[in-house]
Amino acid sequence: MTLRGRLLTVAVILGLACVLAGCGLINSVSPGKQAAEQRAQQLQGLQLSVMRFADEYVGRSNEVLSRFITTTDITPEQRLGVQN
C-alpha cells in the first residue's frame, strides 16, 4: 500500500470517528433539551393555575359585591366606593 493510500485510510477512519463522536455528543445534549421542555411544561401549568385562581377570585368578588349592592339601600356615591 502506498503512502497516499495509507493517509487516505487514516483520514477515512478519523472522519468516521469524528462522525460517531458527534452523534454521541448530540445524544448527550438531547436529555438537557428534554429537561428544558419538561420545565417549560411545568411553568406553563403553574401559569395556568395562577390564572385560574385569579379568574375565580375576581368572579367571586364581583358576585359578592353585586349581591351586596343590590340588597342594601346605599347612595350612588357609596355604591361607587364599594365597587372601587
C-alpha atoms as a PDB file:
ATOM      1  CA  MET A   1       0.000   0.000   0.000  1.00  0.00           C
ATOM      2  CA  THR A   2       1.361   3.401  -0.890  1.00  0.00           C
ATOM      3  CA  LEU A   3       1.752   6.326   1.460  1.00  0.00           C
ATOM      4  CA  ARG A   4      -1.127   8.086  -0.207  1.00  0.00           C
ATOM      5  CA  GLY A   5      -3.405   5.053   0.314  1.00  0.00           C
ATOM      6  CA  ARG A   6      -2.433   4.827   3.994  1.00  0.00           C
ATOM      7  CA  LEU A   7      -3.112   8.535   4.522  1.00  0.00           C
ATOM      8  CA  LEU A   8      -6.478   8.161   2.830  1.00  0.00           C
ATOM      9  CA  THR A   9      -7.338   5.199   5.062  1.00  0.00           C
ATOM     10  CA  VAL A  10      -6.307   7.112   8.188  1.00  0.00           C
ATOM     11  CA  ALA A  11      -8.330  10.129   7.046  1.00  0.00           C
ATOM     12  CA  VAL A  12     -11.420   7.972   6.489  1.00  0.00           C
ATOM     13  CA  ILE A  13     -11.029   6.339   9.902  1.00  0.00           C
ATOM     14  CA  LEU A  14     -10.593   9.722  11.602  1.00  0.00           C
ATOM     15  CA  GLY A  15     -13.603  11.073   9.729  1.00  0.00           C
ATOM     16  CA  LEU A  16     -15.775   8.176  10.865  1.00  0.00           C
ATOM     17  CA  ALA A  17     -14.538   8.596  14.422  1.00  0.00           C
ATOM     18  CA  CYS A  18     -15.479  12.290  14.346  1.00  0.00           C
ATOM     19  CA  VAL A  19     -18.941  11.497  12.975  1.00  0.00           C
ATOM     20  CA  LEU A  20     -19.565   8.852  15.620  1.00  0.00           C
ATOM     21  CA  ALA A  21     -18.291  11.143  18.374  1.00  0.00           C
ATOM     22  CA  GLY A  22     -20.595  13.873  17.074  1.00  0.00           C
ATOM     23  CA  CYS A  23     -23.591  11.557  17.259  1.00  0.00           C
ATOM     24  CA  GLY A  24     -22.696  10.697  20.849  1.00  0.00           C
ATOM     25  CA  LEU A  25     -22.422  14.380  21.666  1.00  0.00           C
ATOM     26  CA  ILE A  26     -25.822  15.111  20.187  1.00  0.00           C
ATOM     27  CA  ASN A  27     -27.389  12.275  22.173  1.00  0.00           C
ATOM     28  CA  SER A  28     -25.816  13.524  25.373  1.00  0.00           C
ATOM     29  CA  VAL A  29     -27.185  17.038  24.762  1.00  0.00           C
ATOM     30  CA  SER A  30     -30.739  15.939  23.999  1.00  0.00           C
ATOM     31  CA  PRO A  31     -31.589  14.903  27.616  1.00  0.00           C
ATOM     32  CA  GLY A  32     -30.927  18.531  28.551  1.00  0.00           C
ATOM     33  CA  LYS A  33     -33.375  19.561  25.864  1.00  0.00           C
ATOM     34  CA  GLN A  34     -35.955  17.163  27.273  1.00  0.00           C
ATOM     35  CA  ALA A  35     -35.426  18.583  30.759  1.00  0.00           C
ATOM     36  CA  ALA A  36     -35.894  22.093  29.411  1.00  0.00           C
ATOM     37  CA  GLU A  37     -39.122  21.080  27.689  1.00  0.00           C
ATOM     38  CA  GLN A  38     -40.368  19.438  30.884  1.00  0.00           C
ATOM     39  CA  ARG A  39     -39.519  22.595  32.859  1.00  0.00           C
ATOM     40  CA  ALA A  40     -41.383  24.705  30.293  1.00  0.00           C
ATOM     41  CA  GLN A  41     -44.447  22.463  30.672  1.00  0.00           C
ATOM     42  CA  GLN A  42     -44.265  22.794  34.466  1.00  0.00           C
ATOM     43  CA  LEU A  43     -44.066  26.575  34.208  1.00  0.00           C
ATOM     44  CA  GLN A  44     -46.991  26.638  31.809  1.00  0.00           C
ATOM     45  CA  GLY A  45     -49.027  24.507  34.225  1.00  0.00           C
ATOM     46  CA  LEU A  46     -48.170  26.858  37.081  1.00  0.00           C
ATOM     47  CA  GLN A  47     -49.131  29.879  34.987  1.00  0.00           C
ATOM     48  CA  LEU A  48     -52.483  28.300  34.113  1.00  0.00           C
ATOM     49  CA  SER A  49     -53.139  27.518  37.792  1.00  0.00           C
ATOM     50  CA  VAL A  50     -52.400  31.109  38.826  1.00  0.00           C
ATOM     51  CA  MET A  51     -54.587  32.492  36.042  1.00  0.00           C
ATOM     52  CA  ARG A  52     -57.426  30.138  37.027  1.00  0.00           C
ATOM     53  CA  PHE A  53     -57.133  31.267  40.656  1.00  0.00           C
ATOM     54  CA  ALA A  54     -57.181  34.930  39.620  1.00  0.00           C
ATOM     55  CA  ASP A  55     -60.247  34.418  37.421  1.00  0.00           C
ATOM     56  CA  GLU A  56     -62.117  32.634  40.225  1.00  0.00           C
ATOM     57  CA  TYR A  57     -61.119  35.325  42.737  1.00  0.00           C
ATOM     58  CA  VAL A  58     -62.360  38.162  40.536  1.00  0.00           C
ATOM     59  CA  GLY A  59     -65.549  36.293  39.707  1.00  0.00           C
ATOM     60  CA  ARG A  60     -66.373  35.567  43.333  1.00  0.00           C
ATOM     61  CA  SER A  61     -65.523  39.113  44.406  1.00  0.00           C
ATOM     62  CA  ASN A  62     -67.793  40.581  41.732  1.00  0.00           C
ATOM     63  CA  GLU A  63     -70.582  38.208  42.692  1.00  0.00           C
ATOM     64  CA  VAL A  64     -70.418  39.171  46.373  1.00  0.00           C
ATOM     65  CA  LEU A  65     -70.165  42.887  45.628  1.00  0.00           C
ATOM     66  CA  SER A  66     -73.103  42.747  43.215  1.00  0.00           C
ATOM     67  CA  ARG A  67     -75.203  40.902  45.768  1.00  0.00           C
ATOM     68  CA  PHE A  68     -74.258  43.435  48.466  1.00  0.00           C
ATOM     69  CA  ILE A  69     -75.103  46.407  46.248  1.00  0.00           C
ATOM     70  CA  THR A  70     -78.491  45.009  45.205  1.00  0.00           C
ATOM     71  CA  THR A  71     -79.562  44.018  48.726  1.00  0.00           C
ATOM     72  CA  THR A  72     -78.580  47.214  50.539  1.00  0.00           C
ATOM     73  CA  ASP A  73     -80.006  50.690  50.322  1.00  0.00           C
ATOM     74  CA  ILE A  74     -76.999  52.883  49.536  1.00  0.00           C
ATOM     75  CA  THR A  75     -76.432  56.039  47.553  1.00  0.00           C
ATOM     76  CA  PRO A  76     -74.735  56.003  44.152  1.00  0.00           C
ATOM     77  CA  GLU A  77     -71.614  57.566  45.720  1.00  0.00           C
ATOM     78  CA  GLN A  78     -71.464  54.827  48.324  1.00  0.00           C
ATOM     79  CA  ARG A  79     -72.028  52.201  45.618  1.00  0.00           C
ATOM     80  CA  LEU A  80     -69.070  53.596  43.650  1.00  0.00           C
ATOM     81  CA  GLY A  81     -66.926  53.479  46.806  1.00  0.00           C
ATOM     82  CA  VAL A  82     -67.849  49.841  47.396  1.00  0.00           C
ATOM     83  CA  GLN A  83     -67.048  48.914  43.809  1.00  0.00           C
ATOM     84  CA  ASN A  84     -63.688  50.649  43.938  1.00  0.00           C
END
